[in-house]
Amino acid sequence: MTKMKTNRSAAKRFRLSGTGRIRRTKCGGNHGLSNKNRKRLRRLRDNDMVAHEHEKRLKALLPYG
């Protein structure tokens, strides 16, 4: 059987955590940062988890994660 291909766009956006859940970065932290207050920027630095409803589909895109 041939090797499965990793979806490269998903690999750049998501990572598997140690417990097997999928981590993602929060949106809104790339540009226009001078208009956002410090508290908001501090919250955007933390990674978030993908919702349980989407995990099965994303794990198919990341077979070797």
N, C-alpha and C. Protein backbone atom coordinates (compact mmCIF):
# COMPACT_ATOMS: atom_id res chain seq x y z
N MET A 1 0.84 -1.18 0.00
CA MET A 1 0.00 0.00 0.00
C MET A 1 0.89 1.25 0.00
N THR A 2 0.48 2.24 -0.75
CA THR A 2 1.28 3.46 -0.83
C THR A 2 1.13 4.29 0.44
N LYS A 3 2.09 5.18 0.61
CA LYS A 3 2.04 6.06 1.77
C LYS A 3 0.93 7.08 1.60
N MET A 4 0.34 7.48 2.72
CA MET A 4 -0.69 8.52 2.68
C MET A 4 0.00 9.88 2.63
N LYS A 5 -0.63 10.82 1.95
CA LYS A 5 -0.06 12.16 1.86
C LYS A 5 -0.66 13.05 2.95
N THR A 6 0.22 13.83 3.58
CA THR A 6 -0.22 14.83 4.54
C THR A 6 -0.69 16.05 3.79
N ASN A 7 -1.82 16.59 4.19
CA ASN A 7 -2.30 17.84 3.60
C ASN A 7 -1.42 18.96 4.12
N ARG A 8 -0.66 19.58 3.24
CA ARG A 8 0.37 20.54 3.67
C ARG A 8 -0.23 21.81 4.26
N SER A 9 -1.38 22.25 3.76
CA SER A 9 -1.98 23.46 4.33
C SER A 9 -2.46 23.20 5.75
N ALA A 10 -2.96 21.99 6.01
CA ALA A 10 -3.38 21.65 7.38
C ALA A 10 -2.18 21.49 8.29
N ALA A 11 -1.07 20.95 7.76
CA ALA A 11 0.12 20.73 8.58
C ALA A 11 0.72 22.05 9.05
N LYS A 12 0.53 23.11 8.27
CA LYS A 12 1.06 24.42 8.67
C LYS A 12 0.18 25.11 9.69
N ARG A 13 -1.08 24.69 9.79
CA ARG A 13 -2.02 25.36 10.69
C ARG A 13 -2.30 24.61 11.98
N PHE A 14 -2.15 23.29 11.98
CA PHE A 14 -2.53 22.48 13.13
C PHE A 14 -1.39 21.59 13.57
N ARG A 15 -1.37 21.29 14.89
CA ARG A 15 -0.40 20.34 15.46
C ARG A 15 -1.14 19.44 16.43
N LEU A 16 -0.66 18.23 16.57
CA LEU A 16 -1.25 17.32 17.54
C LEU A 16 -0.65 17.59 18.92
N SER A 17 -1.48 17.59 19.94
CA SER A 17 -0.99 17.75 21.30
C SER A 17 -0.55 16.40 21.84
N GLY A 18 -0.02 16.38 23.02
CA GLY A 18 0.45 15.15 23.62
C GLY A 18 -0.67 14.16 23.90
N THR A 19 -1.86 14.68 24.15
CA THR A 19 -2.99 13.80 24.44
C THR A 19 -3.75 13.38 23.19
N GLY A 20 -3.31 13.86 22.02
CA GLY A 20 -3.95 13.47 20.78
C GLY A 20 -4.98 14.46 20.26
N ARG A 21 -5.20 15.54 20.97
CA ARG A 21 -6.11 16.58 20.46
C ARG A 21 -5.35 17.46 19.48
N ILE A 22 -6.06 18.29 18.74
CA ILE A 22 -5.44 19.13 17.71
C ILE A 22 -5.39 20.56 18.20
N ARG A 23 -4.19 21.14 18.17
CA ARG A 23 -3.98 22.52 18.61
C ARG A 23 -4.01 23.44 17.41
N ARG A 24 -4.46 24.67 17.64
CA ARG A 24 -4.47 25.68 16.58
C ARG A 24 -4.16 27.03 17.21
N THR A 25 -3.71 27.97 16.39
CA THR A 25 -3.50 29.32 16.88
C THR A 25 -4.80 30.11 16.77
N LYS A 26 -4.96 31.09 17.61
CA LYS A 26 -6.15 31.93 17.56
C LYS A 26 -6.00 32.94 16.43
N CYS A 27 -7.11 33.33 15.85
CA CYS A 27 -7.06 34.24 14.72
C CYS A 27 -6.96 35.69 15.19
N GLY A 28 -6.45 36.54 14.32
CA GLY A 28 -6.42 37.97 14.60
C GLY A 28 -5.12 38.47 15.16
N GLY A 29 -4.05 37.67 15.13
CA GLY A 29 -2.80 38.11 15.73
C GLY A 29 -1.70 38.40 14.75
N ASN A 30 -2.04 38.69 13.50
CA ASN A 30 -0.99 38.88 12.49
C ASN A 30 -0.76 40.34 12.10
N HIS A 31 -1.81 41.11 11.94
CA HIS A 31 -1.60 42.50 11.51
C HIS A 31 -2.64 43.38 12.18
N GLY A 32 -2.42 44.69 12.13
CA GLY A 32 -3.30 45.62 12.81
C GLY A 32 -3.17 45.53 14.31
N LEU A 33 -1.95 45.19 14.78
CA LEU A 33 -1.77 44.94 16.21
C LEU A 33 -1.75 46.22 17.04
N SER A 34 -1.46 47.36 16.41
CA SER A 34 -1.41 48.60 17.18
C SER A 34 -2.80 49.04 17.62
N ASN A 35 -3.84 48.54 16.98
CA ASN A 35 -5.20 48.92 17.35
C ASN A 35 -5.80 48.00 18.41
N LYS A 36 -5.10 46.94 18.77
CA LYS A 36 -5.62 45.99 19.75
C LYS A 36 -4.94 46.22 21.09
N ASN A 37 -5.70 46.12 22.16
CA ASN A 37 -5.12 46.41 23.47
C ASN A 37 -4.26 45.24 23.96
N ARG A 38 -3.48 45.50 25.01
CA ARG A 38 -2.51 44.52 25.50
C ARG A 38 -3.17 43.24 25.99
N LYS A 39 -4.30 43.41 26.64
CA LYS A 39 -4.99 42.23 27.17
C LYS A 39 -5.44 41.31 26.04
N ARG A 40 -5.92 41.90 24.96
CA ARG A 40 -6.37 41.11 23.81
C ARG A 40 -5.20 40.41 23.14
N LEU A 41 -4.08 41.10 22.98
CA LEU A 41 -2.90 40.50 22.35
C LEU A 41 -2.33 39.37 23.21
N ARG A 42 -2.40 39.53 24.51
CA ARG A 42 -1.91 38.49 25.42
C ARG A 42 -2.78 37.23 25.29
N ARG A 43 -4.07 37.40 25.15
CA ARG A 43 -4.96 36.26 24.97
C ARG A 43 -4.74 35.57 23.62
N LEU A 44 -4.38 36.35 22.60
CA LEU A 44 -4.16 35.78 21.27
C LEU A 44 -2.89 34.95 21.20
N ARG A 45 -1.95 35.17 22.13
CA ARG A 45 -0.70 34.41 22.10
C ARG A 45 -0.91 32.94 22.43
N ASP A 46 -1.91 32.63 23.25
CA ASP A 46 -2.15 31.26 23.67
C ASP A 46 -2.73 30.44 22.52
N ASN A 47 -2.35 29.18 22.46
CA ASN A 47 -2.94 28.28 21.48
C ASN A 47 -4.28 27.79 21.99
N ASP A 48 -5.11 27.38 21.06
CA ASP A 48 -6.44 26.90 21.38
C ASP A 48 -6.59 25.48 20.86
N MET A 49 -7.63 24.80 21.26
CA MET A 49 -7.89 23.45 20.77
C MET A 49 -9.01 23.49 19.74
N VAL A 50 -8.93 22.60 18.77
CA VAL A 50 -9.98 22.48 17.77
C VAL A 50 -11.19 21.81 18.42
N ALA A 51 -12.38 22.19 18.00
CA ALA A 51 -13.60 21.60 18.55
C ALA A 51 -13.65 20.10 18.25
N HIS A 52 -14.28 19.37 19.15
CA HIS A 52 -14.38 17.91 19.00
C HIS A 52 -15.06 17.52 17.70
N GLU A 53 -15.99 18.34 17.22
CA GLU A 53 -16.74 18.01 16.01
C GLU A 53 -15.85 17.97 14.78
N HIS A 54 -14.74 18.73 14.79
CA HIS A 54 -13.87 18.83 13.62
C HIS A 54 -12.65 17.91 13.69
N GLU A 55 -12.41 17.32 14.84
CA GLU A 55 -11.17 16.56 15.02
C GLU A 55 -11.04 15.37 14.08
N LYS A 56 -12.11 14.64 13.85
CA LYS A 56 -12.03 13.45 13.01
C LYS A 56 -11.62 13.80 11.59
N ARG A 57 -12.18 14.88 11.05
CA ARG A 57 -11.84 15.28 9.69
C ARG A 57 -10.41 15.79 9.59
N LEU A 58 -9.96 16.50 10.63
CA LEU A 58 -8.60 17.04 10.59
C LEU A 58 -7.56 15.95 10.78
N LYS A 59 -7.86 14.93 11.56
CA LYS A 59 -6.90 13.85 11.75
C LYS A 59 -6.69 13.06 10.46
N ALA A 60 -7.68 13.07 9.59
CA ALA A 60 -7.51 12.41 8.28
C ALA A 60 -6.55 13.20 7.41
N LEU A 61 -6.46 14.50 7.61
CA LEU A 61 -5.54 15.34 6.84
C LEU A 61 -4.11 15.27 7.37
N LEU A 62 -3.97 14.83 8.63
CA LEU A 62 -2.66 14.75 9.28
C LEU A 62 -2.38 13.29 9.69
N PRO A 63 -2.17 12.40 8.73
CA PRO A 63 -2.06 10.99 9.10
C PRO A 63 -0.82 10.63 9.92
N TYR A 64 0.25 11.40 9.80
CA TYR A 64 1.49 11.08 10.51
C TYR A 64 1.79 12.07 11.63
N GLY A 65 0.78 12.80 12.06
CA GLY A 65 0.98 13.82 13.08
C GLY A 65 1.34 13.21 14.39
